[in-house]
Amino acid sequence: MTDDEIQALKAKYAGADLRIISNDELEIEIVVDAKKLAREWPRFRALLQDDAQEMQAHKMLVLAGIVEPSAEAFRALIEERSLPACWEILANQCGKIVGASRATKHKKI
């Protein structure tokens, strides 16, 4: 992997810490800090395609203790405490996984 390719990946996954695991397999490790995600909420929100997914993502941030729950989110949390489902939605929408503190996802390029 060339320096230009690495810089392109860093630009594509801005806000994530990238570590090159293997140049031979072009595999990287994407690490996203949940608190960084909370700071970037407006940009992240734009990635979501409908209200249901936005609610799930908001629930994830509430469960991680990063944002205060709205009345709607609070009701939803009472009805469903599915944190892994929230992570999965984030992974599917953003190509990234976040955790209550830090989590990683291996992605083949």
PDB file of N, CA and C in Angstrom:
ATOM      1  N   MET A   1       0.855  -1.167   0.000  1.00  0.00           N
ATOM      2  CA  MET A   1       0.000   0.000   0.000  1.00  0.00           C
ATOM      3  C   MET A   1       0.904   1.234   0.000  1.00  0.00           C
ATOM      4  N   THR A   2       0.650   2.131  -0.921  1.00  0.00           N
ATOM      5  CA  THR A   2       1.493   3.326  -1.037  1.00  0.00           C
ATOM      6  C   THR A   2       1.068   4.382  -0.019  1.00  0.00           C
ATOM      7  N   ASP A   3       1.931   5.370   0.167  1.00  0.00           N
ATOM      8  CA  ASP A   3       1.594   6.479   1.074  1.00  0.00           C
ATOM      9  C   ASP A   3       0.353   7.220   0.584  1.00  0.00           C
ATOM     10  N   ASP A   4       0.224   7.376  -0.737  1.00  0.00           N
ATOM     11  CA  ASP A   4      -0.956   8.061  -1.286  1.00  0.00           C
ATOM     12  C   ASP A   4      -2.231   7.292  -0.980  1.00  0.00           C
ATOM     13  N   GLU A   5      -2.173   5.959  -1.086  1.00  0.00           N
ATOM     14  CA  GLU A   5      -3.346   5.134  -0.772  1.00  0.00           C
ATOM     15  C   GLU A   5      -3.706   5.244   0.712  1.00  0.00           C
ATOM     16  N   ILE A   6      -2.696   5.267   1.564  1.00  0.00           N
ATOM     17  CA  ILE A   6      -2.938   5.398   3.005  1.00  0.00           C
ATOM     18  C   ILE A   6      -3.567   6.753   3.301  1.00  0.00           C
ATOM     19  N   GLN A   7      -3.066   7.820   2.680  1.00  0.00           N
ATOM     20  CA  GLN A   7      -3.644   9.152   2.898  1.00  0.00           C
ATOM     21  C   GLN A   7      -5.085   9.213   2.405  1.00  0.00           C
ATOM     22  N   ALA A   8      -5.377   8.540   1.295  1.00  0.00           N
ATOM     23  CA  ALA A   8      -6.753   8.504   0.771  1.00  0.00           C
ATOM     24  C   ALA A   8      -7.682   7.796   1.757  1.00  0.00           C
ATOM     25  N   LEU A   9      -7.203   6.706   2.358  1.00  0.00           N
ATOM     26  CA  LEU A   9      -8.007   6.002   3.358  1.00  0.00           C
ATOM     27  C   LEU A   9      -8.243   6.872   4.577  1.00  0.00           C
ATOM     28  N   LYS A  10      -7.206   7.584   5.018  1.00  0.00           N
ATOM     29  CA  LYS A  10      -7.365   8.451   6.184  1.00  0.00           C
ATOM     30  C   LYS A  10      -8.379   9.556   5.895  1.00  0.00           C
ATOM     31  N   ALA A  11      -8.383  10.064   4.684  1.00  0.00           N
ATOM     32  CA  ALA A  11      -9.371  11.090   4.318  1.00  0.00           C
ATOM     33  C   ALA A  11     -10.774  10.491   4.276  1.00  0.00           C
ATOM     34  N   LYS A  12     -10.880   9.285   3.726  1.00  0.00           N
ATOM     35  CA  LYS A  12     -12.195   8.632   3.617  1.00  0.00           C
ATOM     36  C   LYS A  12     -12.783   8.346   5.001  1.00  0.00           C
ATOM     37  N   TYR A  13     -11.952   7.904   5.930  1.00  0.00           N
ATOM     38  CA  TYR A  13     -12.414   7.569   7.267  1.00  0.00           C
ATOM     39  C   TYR A  13     -11.975   8.643   8.268  1.00  0.00           C
ATOM     40  N   ALA A  14     -12.208   9.893   7.931  1.00  0.00           N
ATOM     41  CA  ALA A  14     -11.822  11.007   8.808  1.00  0.00           C
ATOM     42  C   ALA A  14     -12.451  10.824  10.183  1.00  0.00           C
ATOM     43  N   GLY A  15     -11.685  11.076  11.215  1.00  0.00           N
ATOM     44  CA  GLY A  15     -12.189  10.919  12.577  1.00  0.00           C
ATOM     45  C   GLY A  15     -11.911   9.548  13.151  1.00  0.00           C
ATOM     46  N   ALA A  16     -11.452   8.622  12.325  1.00  0.00           N
ATOM     47  CA  ALA A  16     -11.126   7.281  12.809  1.00  0.00           C
ATOM     48  C   ALA A  16      -9.609   7.152  12.922  1.00  0.00           C
ATOM     49  N   ASP A  17      -9.167   6.335  13.850  1.00  0.00           N
ATOM     50  CA  ASP A  17      -7.745   6.021  13.953  1.00  0.00           C
ATOM     51  C   ASP A  17      -7.498   4.806  13.073  1.00  0.00           C
ATOM     52  N   LEU A  18      -6.616   4.931  12.104  1.00  0.00           N
ATOM     53  CA  LEU A  18      -6.343   3.821  11.200  1.00  0.00           C
ATOM     54  C   LEU A  18      -4.998   3.198  11.533  1.00  0.00           C
ATOM     55  N   ARG A  19      -4.959   1.879  11.520  1.00  0.00           N
ATOM     56  CA  ARG A  19      -3.700   1.153  11.647  1.00  0.00           C
ATOM     57  C   ARG A  19      -3.632   0.183  10.487  1.00  0.00           C
ATOM     58  N   ILE A  20      -2.542   0.173   9.769  1.00  0.00           N
ATOM     59  CA  ILE A  20      -2.375  -0.782   8.681  1.00  0.00           C
ATOM     60  C   ILE A  20      -1.967  -2.110   9.317  1.00  0.00           C
ATOM     61  N   ILE A  21      -2.755  -3.146   9.086  1.00  0.00           N
ATOM     62  CA  ILE A  21      -2.480  -4.448   9.676  1.00  0.00           C
ATOM     63  C   ILE A  21      -1.562  -5.247   8.767  1.00  0.00           C
ATOM     64  N   SER A  22      -1.863  -5.239   7.490  1.00  0.00           N
ATOM     65  CA  SER A  22      -1.066  -6.022   6.563  1.00  0.00           C
ATOM     66  C   SER A  22      -1.094  -5.372   5.189  1.00  0.00           C
ATOM     67  N   ASN A  23       0.064  -4.968   4.690  1.00  0.00           N
ATOM     68  CA  ASN A  23       0.119  -4.404   3.348  1.00  0.00           C
ATOM     69  C   ASN A  23      -0.202  -5.441   2.288  1.00  0.00           C
ATOM     70  N   ASP A  24       0.157  -6.698   2.557  1.00  0.00           N
ATOM     71  CA  ASP A  24      -0.068  -7.748   1.570  1.00  0.00           C
ATOM     72  C   ASP A  24      -1.561  -7.949   1.296  1.00  0.00           C
ATOM     73  N   GLU A  25      -2.368  -7.934   2.343  1.00  0.00           N
ATOM     74  CA  GLU A  25      -3.793  -8.180   2.182  1.00  0.00           C
ATOM     75  C   GLU A  25      -4.598  -6.894   2.094  1.00  0.00           C
ATOM     76  N   LEU A  26      -3.925  -5.737   2.157  1.00  0.00           N
ATOM     77  CA  LEU A  26      -4.605  -4.442   2.126  1.00  0.00           C
ATOM     78  C   LEU A  26      -5.732  -4.386   3.146  1.00  0.00           C
ATOM     79  N   GLU A  27      -5.397  -4.787   4.359  1.00  0.00           N
ATOM     80  CA  GLU A  27      -6.387  -4.811   5.432  1.00  0.00           C
ATOM     81  C   GLU A  27      -6.051  -3.713   6.432  1.00  0.00           C
ATOM     82  N   ILE A  28      -7.071  -2.983   6.851  1.00  0.00           N
ATOM     83  CA  ILE A  28      -6.858  -1.938   7.843  1.00  0.00           C
ATOM     84  C   ILE A  28      -7.770  -2.175   9.026  1.00  0.00           C
ATOM     85  N   GLU A  29      -7.426  -1.585  10.131  1.00  0.00           N
ATOM     86  CA  GLU A  29      -8.271  -1.631  11.319  1.00  0.00           C
ATOM     87  C   GLU A  29      -8.805  -0.221  11.533  1.00  0.00           C
ATOM     88  N   ILE A  30     -10.125  -0.097  11.600  1.00  0.00           N
ATOM     89  CA  ILE A  30     -10.758   1.205  11.795  1.00  0.00           C
ATOM     90  C   ILE A  30     -11.216   1.285  13.244  1.00  0.00           C
ATOM     91  N   VAL A  31     -10.748   2.278  13.953  1.00  0.00           N
ATOM     92  CA  VAL A  31     -11.116   2.458  15.353  1.00  0.00           C
ATOM     93  C   VAL A  31     -11.821   3.805  15.469  1.00  0.00           C
ATOM     94  N   VAL A  32     -13.036   3.770  15.978  1.00  0.00           N
ATOM     95  CA  VAL A  32     -13.798   5.008  16.120  1.00  0.00           C
ATOM     96  C   VAL A  32     -14.133   5.195  17.594  1.00  0.00           C
ATOM     97  N   ASP A  33     -13.819   6.339  18.110  1.00  0.00           N
ATOM     98  CA  ASP A  33     -14.116   6.676  19.499  1.00  0.00           C
ATOM     99  C   ASP A  33     -15.559   7.170  19.575  1.00  0.00           C
ATOM    100  N   ALA A  34     -16.351   6.591  20.453  1.00  0.00           N
ATOM    101  CA  ALA A  34     -17.767   6.947  20.544  1.00  0.00           C
ATOM    102  C   ALA A  34     -17.953   8.426  20.898  1.00  0.00           C
ATOM    103  N   LYS A  35     -17.051   8.994  21.689  1.00  0.00           N
ATOM    104  CA  LYS A  35     -17.179  10.406  22.040  1.00  0.00           C
ATOM    105  C   LYS A  35     -16.906  11.293  20.831  1.00  0.00           C
ATOM    106  N   LYS A  36     -15.972  10.876  19.981  1.00  0.00           N
ATOM    107  CA  LYS A  36     -15.760  11.609  18.726  1.00  0.00           C
ATOM    108  C   LYS A  36     -17.031  11.569  17.895  1.00  0.00           C
ATOM    109  N   LEU A  37     -17.668  10.407  17.877  1.00  0.00           N
ATOM    110  CA  LEU A  37     -18.899  10.268  17.107  1.00  0.00           C
ATOM    111  C   LEU A  37     -19.957  11.242  17.625  1.00  0.00           C
ATOM    112  N   ALA A  38     -20.056  11.372  18.939  1.00  0.00           N
ATOM    113  CA  ALA A  38     -21.048  12.286  19.500  1.00  0.00           C
ATOM    114  C   ALA A  38     -20.770  13.724  19.074  1.00  0.00           C
ATOM    115  N   ARG A  39     -19.488  14.092  19.036  1.00  0.00           N
ATOM    116  CA  ARG A  39     -19.139  15.449  18.600  1.00  0.00           C
ATOM    117  C   ARG A  39     -19.494  15.651  17.132  1.00  0.00           C
ATOM    118  N   GLU A  40     -19.445  14.578  16.362  1.00  0.00           N
ATOM    119  CA  GLU A  40     -19.717  14.672  14.927  1.00  0.00           C
ATOM    120  C   GLU A  40     -21.153  14.285  14.601  1.00  0.00           C
ATOM    121  N   TRP A  41     -22.037  14.340  15.603  1.00  0.00           N
ATOM    122  CA  TRP A  41     -23.412  13.885  15.418  1.00  0.00           C
ATOM    123  C   TRP A  41     -24.101  14.495  14.195  1.00  0.00           C
ATOM    124  N   PRO A  42     -24.013  15.820  13.923  1.00  0.00           N
ATOM    125  CA  PRO A  42     -24.711  16.353  12.744  1.00  0.00           C
ATOM    126  C   PRO A  42     -24.264  15.692  11.442  1.00  0.00           C
ATOM    127  N   ARG A  43     -22.951  15.494  11.291  1.00  0.00           N
ATOM    128  CA  ARG A  43     -22.453  14.842  10.070  1.00  0.00           C
ATOM    129  C   ARG A  43     -22.888  13.377  10.040  1.00  0.00           C
ATOM    130  N   PHE A  44     -22.813  12.718  11.194  1.00  0.00           N
ATOM    131  CA  PHE A  44     -23.232  11.318  11.269  1.00  0.00           C
ATOM    132  C   PHE A  44     -24.721  11.182  10.959  1.00  0.00           C
ATOM    133  N   ARG A  45     -25.513  12.094  11.512  1.00  0.00           N
ATOM    134  CA  ARG A  45     -26.954  12.045  11.299  1.00  0.00           C
ATOM    135  C   ARG A  45     -27.291  12.123   9.811  1.00  0.00           C
ATOM    136  N   ALA A  46     -26.513  12.901   9.067  1.00  0.00           N
ATOM    137  CA  ALA A  46     -26.748  13.039   7.628  1.00  0.00           C
ATOM    138  C   ALA A  46     -26.524  11.721   6.892  1.00  0.00           C
ATOM    139  N   LEU A  47     -25.744  10.817   7.492  1.00  0.00           N
ATOM    140  CA  LEU A  47     -25.495   9.524   6.855  1.00  0.00           C
ATOM    141  C   LEU A  47     -26.689   8.583   6.975  1.00  0.00           C
ATOM    142  N   LEU A  48     -27.529   8.834   7.951  1.00  0.00           N
ATOM    143  CA  LEU A  48     -28.658   7.941   8.185  1.00  0.00           C
ATOM    144  C   LEU A  48     -29.770   8.240   7.192  1.00  0.00           C
ATOM    145  N   GLN A  49     -30.472   7.195   6.776  1.00  0.00           N
ATOM    146  CA  GLN A  49     -31.414   7.358   5.679  1.00  0.00           C
ATOM    147  C   GLN A  49     -32.863   7.511   6.107  1.00  0.00           C
ATOM    148  N   ASP A  50     -33.207   7.142   7.301  1.00  0.00           N
ATOM    149  CA  ASP A  50     -34.598   7.323   7.715  1.00  0.00           C
ATOM    150  C   ASP A  50     -34.689   7.504   9.223  1.00  0.00           C
ATOM    151  N   ASP A  51     -35.857   7.918   9.677  1.00  0.00           N
ATOM    152  CA  ASP A  51     -36.048   8.247  11.088  1.00  0.00           C
ATOM    153  C   ASP A  51     -35.817   7.053  12.013  1.00  0.00           C
ATOM    154  N   ALA A  52     -36.199   5.852  11.568  1.00  0.00           N
ATOM    155  CA  ALA A  52     -36.029   4.673  12.418  1.00  0.00           C
ATOM    156  C   ALA A  52     -34.550   4.426  12.700  1.00  0.00           C
ATOM    157  N   GLN A  53     -33.718   4.554  11.686  1.00  0.00           N
ATOM    158  CA  GLN A  53     -32.287   4.349  11.891  1.00  0.00           C
ATOM    159  C   GLN A  53     -31.702   5.466  12.744  1.00  0.00           C
ATOM    160  N   GLU A  54     -32.190   6.672  12.565  1.00  0.00           N
ATOM    161  CA  GLU A  54     -31.705   7.769  13.386  1.00  0.00           C
ATOM    162  C   GLU A  54     -32.042   7.520  14.858  1.00  0.00           C
ATOM    163  N   MET A  55     -33.237   7.015  15.115  1.00  0.00           N
ATOM    164  CA  MET A  55     -33.644   6.717  16.495  1.00  0.00           C
ATOM    165  C   MET A  55     -32.746   5.634  17.090  1.00  0.00           C
ATOM    166  N   GLN A  56     -32.447   4.602  16.310  1.00  0.00           N
ATOM    167  CA  GLN A  56     -31.574   3.536  16.795  1.00  0.00           C
ATOM    168  C   GLN A  56     -30.189   4.094  17.129  1.00  0.00           C
ATOM    169  N   ALA A  57     -29.664   4.942  16.263  1.00  0.00           N
ATOM    170  CA  ALA A  57     -28.339   5.512  16.496  1.00  0.00           C
ATOM    171  C   ALA A  57     -28.361   6.406  17.735  1.00  0.00           C
ATOM    172  N   HIS A  58     -29.434   7.159  17.908  1.00  0.00           N
ATOM    173  CA  HIS A  58     -29.546   8.014  19.089  1.00  0.00           C
ATOM    174  C   HIS A  58     -29.608   7.162  20.354  1.00  0.00           C
ATOM    175  N   LYS A  59     -30.346   6.055  20.291  1.00  0.00           N
ATOM    176  CA  LYS A  59     -30.414   5.150  21.442  1.00  0.00           C
ATOM    177  C   LYS A  59     -29.026   4.624  21.792  1.00  0.00           C
ATOM    178  N   MET A  60     -28.229   4.332  20.754  1.00  0.00           N
ATOM    179  CA  MET A  60     -26.871   3.842  20.989  1.00  0.00           C
ATOM    180  C   MET A  60     -26.074   4.883  21.770  1.00  0.00           C
ATOM    181  N   LEU A  61     -26.176   6.147  21.357  1.00  0.00           N
ATOM    182  CA  LEU A  61     -25.427   7.196  22.048  1.00  0.00           C
ATOM    183  C   LEU A  61     -25.926   7.379  23.481  1.00  0.00           C
ATOM    184  N   VAL A  62     -27.235   7.237  23.691  1.00  0.00           N
ATOM    185  CA  VAL A  62     -27.800   7.346  25.039  1.00  0.00           C
ATOM    186  C   VAL A  62     -27.285   6.205  25.911  1.00  0.00           C
ATOM    187  N   LEU A  63     -27.335   4.977  25.384  1.00  0.00           N
ATOM    188  CA  LEU A  63     -26.884   3.823  26.160  1.00  0.00           C
ATOM    189  C   LEU A  63     -25.394   3.897  26.475  1.00  0.00           C
ATOM    190  N   ALA A  64     -24.635   4.509  25.580  1.00  0.00           N
ATOM    191  CA  ALA A  64     -23.199   4.670  25.813  1.00  0.00           C
ATOM    192  C   ALA A  64     -22.923   5.795  26.799  1.00  0.00           C
ATOM    193  N   GLY A  65     -23.974   6.523  27.205  1.00  0.00           N
ATOM    194  CA  GLY A  65     -23.805   7.599  28.169  1.00  0.00           C
ATOM    195  C   GLY A  65     -23.213   8.855  27.576  1.00  0.00           C
ATOM    196  N   ILE A  66     -23.334   9.012  26.252  1.00  0.00           N
ATOM    197  CA  ILE A  66     -22.706  10.144  25.578  1.00  0.00           C
ATOM    198  C   ILE A  66     -23.666  11.320  25.445  1.00  0.00           C
ATOM    199  N   VAL A  67     -24.938  11.042  25.214  1.00  0.00           N
ATOM    200  CA  VAL A  67     -25.927  12.115  25.093  1.00  0.00           C
ATOM    201  C   VAL A  67     -27.084  11.844  26.037  1.00  0.00           C
ATOM    202  N   GLU A  68     -27.785  12.901  26.395  1.00  0.00           N
ATOM    203  CA  GLU A  68     -28.963  12.766  27.248  1.00  0.00           C
ATOM    204  C   GLU A  68     -30.132  12.279  26.395  1.00  0.00           C
ATOM    205  N   PRO A  69     -30.960  11.416  26.932  1.00  0.00           N
ATOM    206  CA  PRO A  69     -32.083  10.920  26.131  1.00  0.00           C
ATOM    207  C   PRO A  69     -33.179  11.965  25.976  1.00  0.00           C
ATOM    208  N   SER A  70     -33.739  12.029  24.769  1.00  0.00           N
ATOM    209  CA  SER A  70     -34.946  12.824  24.569  1.00  0.00           C
ATOM    210  C   SER A  70     -36.110  12.003  25.120  1.00  0.00           C
ATOM    211  N   ALA A  71     -37.278  12.609  25.205  1.00  0.00           N
ATOM    212  CA  ALA A  71     -38.443  11.865  25.689  1.00  0.00           C
ATOM    213  C   ALA A  71     -38.714  10.667  24.792  1.00  0.00           C
ATOM    214  N   GLU A  72     -38.603  10.855  23.477  1.00  0.00           N
ATOM    215  CA  GLU A  72     -38.833   9.746  22.544  1.00  0.00           C
ATOM    216  C   GLU A  72     -37.805   8.649  22.745  1.00  0.00           C
ATOM    217  N   ALA A  73     -36.540   9.041  22.859  1.00  0.00           N
ATOM    218  CA  ALA A  73     -35.480   8.047  23.031  1.00  0.00           C
ATOM    219  C   ALA A  73     -35.643   7.313  24.353  1.00  0.00           C
ATOM    220  N   PHE A  74     -36.059   8.035  25.386  1.00  0.00           N
ATOM    221  CA  PHE A  74     -36.250   7.410  26.687  1.00  0.00           C
ATOM    222  C   PHE A  74     -37.333   6.340  26.605  1.00  0.00           C
ATOM    223  N   ARG A  75     -38.462   6.654  25.952  1.00  0.00           N
ATOM    224  CA  ARG A  75     -39.527   5.654  25.785  1.00  0.00           C
ATOM    225  C   ARG A  75     -39.015   4.452  24.992  1.00  0.00           C
ATOM    226  N   ALA A  76     -38.257   4.730  23.927  1.00  0.00           N
ATOM    227  CA  ALA A  76     -37.732   3.647  23.090  1.00  0.00           C
ATOM    228  C   ALA A  76     -36.769   2.765  23.888  1.00  0.00           C
ATOM    229  N   LEU A  77     -35.967   3.384  24.761  1.00  0.00           N
ATOM    230  CA  LEU A  77     -35.031   2.609  25.571  1.00  0.00           C
ATOM    231  C   LEU A  77     -35.759   1.681  26.532  1.00  0.00           C
ATOM    232  N   ILE A  78     -36.877   2.156  27.058  1.00  0.00           N
ATOM    233  CA  ILE A  78     -37.657   1.313  27.956  1.00  0.00           C
ATOM    234  C   ILE A  78     -38.220   0.119  27.196  1.00  0.00           C
ATOM    235  N   GLU A  79     -38.675   0.372  25.959  1.00  0.00           N
ATOM    236  CA  GLU A  79     -39.284  -0.688  25.158  1.00  0.00           C
ATOM    237  C   GLU A  79     -38.248  -1.683  24.638  1.00  0.00           C
ATOM    238  N   GLU A  80     -37.056  -1.193  24.303  1.00  0.00           N
ATOM    239  CA  GLU A  80     -36.062  -2.082  23.672  1.00  0.00           C
ATOM    240  C   GLU A  80     -34.665  -1.685  24.105  1.00  0.00           C
ATOM    241  N   ARG A  81     -33.984  -2.595  24.756  1.00  0.00           N
ATOM    242  CA  ARG A  81     -32.598  -2.338  25.163  1.00  0.00           C
ATOM    243  C   ARG A  81     -31.664  -3.189  24.306  1.00  0.00           C
ATOM    244  N   SER A  82     -31.573  -2.856  23.047  1.00  0.00           N
ATOM    245  CA  SER A  82     -30.805  -3.662  22.112  1.00  0.00           C
ATOM    246  C   SER A  82     -29.560  -2.913  21.633  1.00  0.00           C
ATOM    247  N   LEU A  83     -28.558  -2.857  22.481  1.00  0.00           N
ATOM    248  CA  LEU A  83     -27.330  -2.172  22.120  1.00  0.00           C
ATOM    249  C   LEU A  83     -26.615  -2.823  20.929  1.00  0.00           C
ATOM    250  N   PRO A  84     -26.476  -4.169  20.886  1.00  0.00           N
ATOM    251  CA  PRO A  84     -25.813  -4.764  19.719  1.00  0.00           C
ATOM    252  C   PRO A  84     -26.510  -4.412  18.405  1.00  0.00           C
ATOM    253  N   ALA A  85     -27.822  -4.307  18.421  1.00  0.00           N
ATOM    254  CA  ALA A  85     -28.540  -3.928  17.201  1.00  0.00           C
ATOM    255  C   ALA A  85     -28.163  -2.514  16.778  1.00  0.00           C
ATOM    256  N   CYS A  86     -27.968  -1.633  17.752  1.00  0.00           N
ATOM    257  CA  CYS A  86     -27.555  -0.267  17.423  1.00  0.00           C
ATOM    258  C   CYS A  86     -26.172  -0.262  16.780  1.00  0.00           C
ATOM    259  N   TRP A  87     -25.256  -1.066  17.358  1.00  0.00           N
ATOM    260  CA  TRP A  87     -23.904  -1.139  16.762  1.00  0.00           C
ATOM    261  C   TRP A  87     -24.006  -1.647  15.325  1.00  0.00           C
ATOM    262  N   GLU A  88     -24.843  -2.658  15.108  1.00  0.00           N
ATOM    263  CA  GLU A  88     -24.953  -3.249  13.771  1.00  0.00           C
ATOM    264  C   GLU A  88     -25.469  -2.232  12.763  1.00  0.00           C
ATOM    265  N   ILE A  89     -26.458  -1.441  13.174  1.00  0.00           N
ATOM    266  CA  ILE A  89     -26.977  -0.400  12.279  1.00  0.00           C
ATOM    267  C   ILE A  89     -25.876   0.595  11.940  1.00  0.00           C
ATOM    268  N   LEU A  90     -25.108   0.992  12.946  1.00  0.00           N
ATOM    269  CA  LEU A  90     -24.005   1.916  12.685  1.00  0.00           C
ATOM    270  C   LEU A  90     -22.991   1.313  11.730  1.00  0.00           C
ATOM    271  N   ALA A  91     -22.668   0.048  11.940  1.00  0.00           N
ATOM    272  CA  ALA A  91     -21.692  -0.606  11.078  1.00  0.00           C
ATOM    273  C   ALA A  91     -22.201  -0.654   9.646  1.00  0.00           C
ATOM    274  N   ASN A  92     -23.474  -0.987   9.481  1.00  0.00           N
ATOM    275  CA  ASN A  92     -24.045  -1.078   8.139  1.00  0.00           C
ATOM    276  C   ASN A  92     -24.129   0.286   7.474  1.00  0.00           C
ATOM    277  N   GLN A  93     -24.470   1.306   8.231  1.00  0.00           N
ATOM    278  CA  GLN A  93     -24.646   2.631   7.656  1.00  0.00           C
ATOM    279  C   GLN A  93     -23.328   3.327   7.369  1.00  0.00           C
ATOM    280  N   CYS A  94     -22.362   3.154   8.248  1.00  0.00           N
ATOM    281  CA  CYS A  94     -21.145   3.953   8.160  1.00  0.00           C
ATOM    282  C   CYS A  94     -19.903   3.159   7.791  1.00  0.00           C
ATOM    283  N   GLY A  95     -20.009   1.838   7.799  1.00  0.00           N
ATOM    284  CA  GLY A  95     -18.815   1.046   7.572  1.00  0.00           C
ATOM    285  C   GLY A  95     -17.883   1.101   8.759  1.00  0.00           C
ATOM    286  N   LYS A  96     -18.404   1.505   9.908  1.00  0.00           N
ATOM    287  CA  LYS A  96     -17.590   1.632  11.112  1.00  0.00           C
ATOM    288  C   LYS A  96     -18.362   1.005  12.261  1.00  0.00           C
ATOM    289  N   ILE A  97     -17.657   0.637  13.284  1.00  0.00           N
ATOM    290  CA  ILE A  97     -18.311   0.146  14.501  1.00  0.00           C
ATOM    291  C   ILE A  97     -17.822   1.012  15.653  1.00  0.00           C
ATOM    292  N   VAL A  98     -18.741   1.425  16.504  1.00  0.00           N
ATOM    293  CA  VAL A  98     -18.340   2.148  17.706  1.00  0.00           C
ATOM    294  C   VAL A  98     -18.781   1.359  18.913  1.00  0.00           C
ATOM    295  N   GLY A  99     -18.170   1.610  20.033  1.00  0.00           N
ATOM    296  CA  GLY A  99     -18.543   0.927  21.262  1.00  0.00           C
ATOM    297  C   GLY A  99     -18.694   1.931  22.376  1.00  0.00           C
ATOM    298  N   ALA A 100     -19.065   1.442  23.539  1.00  0.00           N
ATOM    299  CA  ALA A 100     -19.260   2.339  24.667  1.00  0.00           C
ATOM    300  C   ALA A 100     -17.973   3.104  24.963  1.00  0.00           C
ATOM    301  N   SER A 101     -16.839   2.490  24.701  1.00  0.00           N
ATOM    302  CA  SER A 101     -15.594   3.242  24.814  1.00  0.00           C
ATOM    303  C   SER A 101     -14.881   3.208  23.467  1.00  0.00           C
ATOM    304  N   ARG A 102     -14.393   2.035  23.095  1.00  0.00           N
ATOM    305  CA  ARG A 102     -13.756   1.883  21.775  1.00  0.00           C
ATOM    306  C   ARG A 102     -14.041   0.475  21.278  1.00  0.00           C
ATOM    307  N   ALA A 103     -14.197   0.344  19.987  1.00  0.00           N
ATOM    308  CA  ALA A 103     -14.361  -0.966  19.376  1.00  0.00           C
ATOM    309  C   ALA A 103     -13.702  -0.903  18.018  1.00  0.00           C
ATOM    310  N   THR A 104     -13.467  -2.053  17.429  1.00  0.00           N
ATOM    311  CA  THR A 104     -12.794  -2.064  16.135  1.00  0.00           C
ATOM    312  C   THR A 104     -13.546  -2.933  15.151  1.00  0.00           C
ATOM    313  N   LYS A 105     -13.300  -2.663  13.899  1.00  0.00           N
ATOM    314  CA  LYS A 105     -13.837  -3.498  12.829  1.00  0.00           C
ATOM    315  C   LYS A 105     -12.721  -3.681  11.815  1.00  0.00           C
ATOM    316  N   HIS A 106     -12.504  -4.901  11.424  1.00  0.00           N
ATOM    317  CA  HIS A 106     -11.531  -5.174  10.382  1.00  0.00           C
ATOM    318  C   HIS A 106     -12.261  -5.116   9.057  1.00  0.00           C
ATOM    319  N   LYS A 107     -11.696  -4.399   8.122  1.00  0.00           N
ATOM    320  CA  LYS A 107     -12.344  -4.222   6.830  1.00  0.00           C
ATOM    321  C   LYS A 107     -11.310  -4.474   5.751  1.00  0.00           C
ATOM    322  N   LYS A 108     -11.611  -5.406   4.875  1.00  0.00           N
ATOM    323  CA  LYS A 108     -10.717  -5.647   3.740  1.00  0.00           C
ATOM    324  C   LYS A 108     -11.001  -4.592   2.687  1.00  0.00           C
ATOM    325  N   ILE A 109      -9.965  -4.011   2.160  1.00  0.00           N
ATOM    326  CA  ILE A 109     -10.103  -2.956   1.155  1.00  0.00           C
ATOM    327  C   ILE A 109     -10.004  -3.584  -0.234  1.00  0.00           C
TER     328      ILE A 109
END
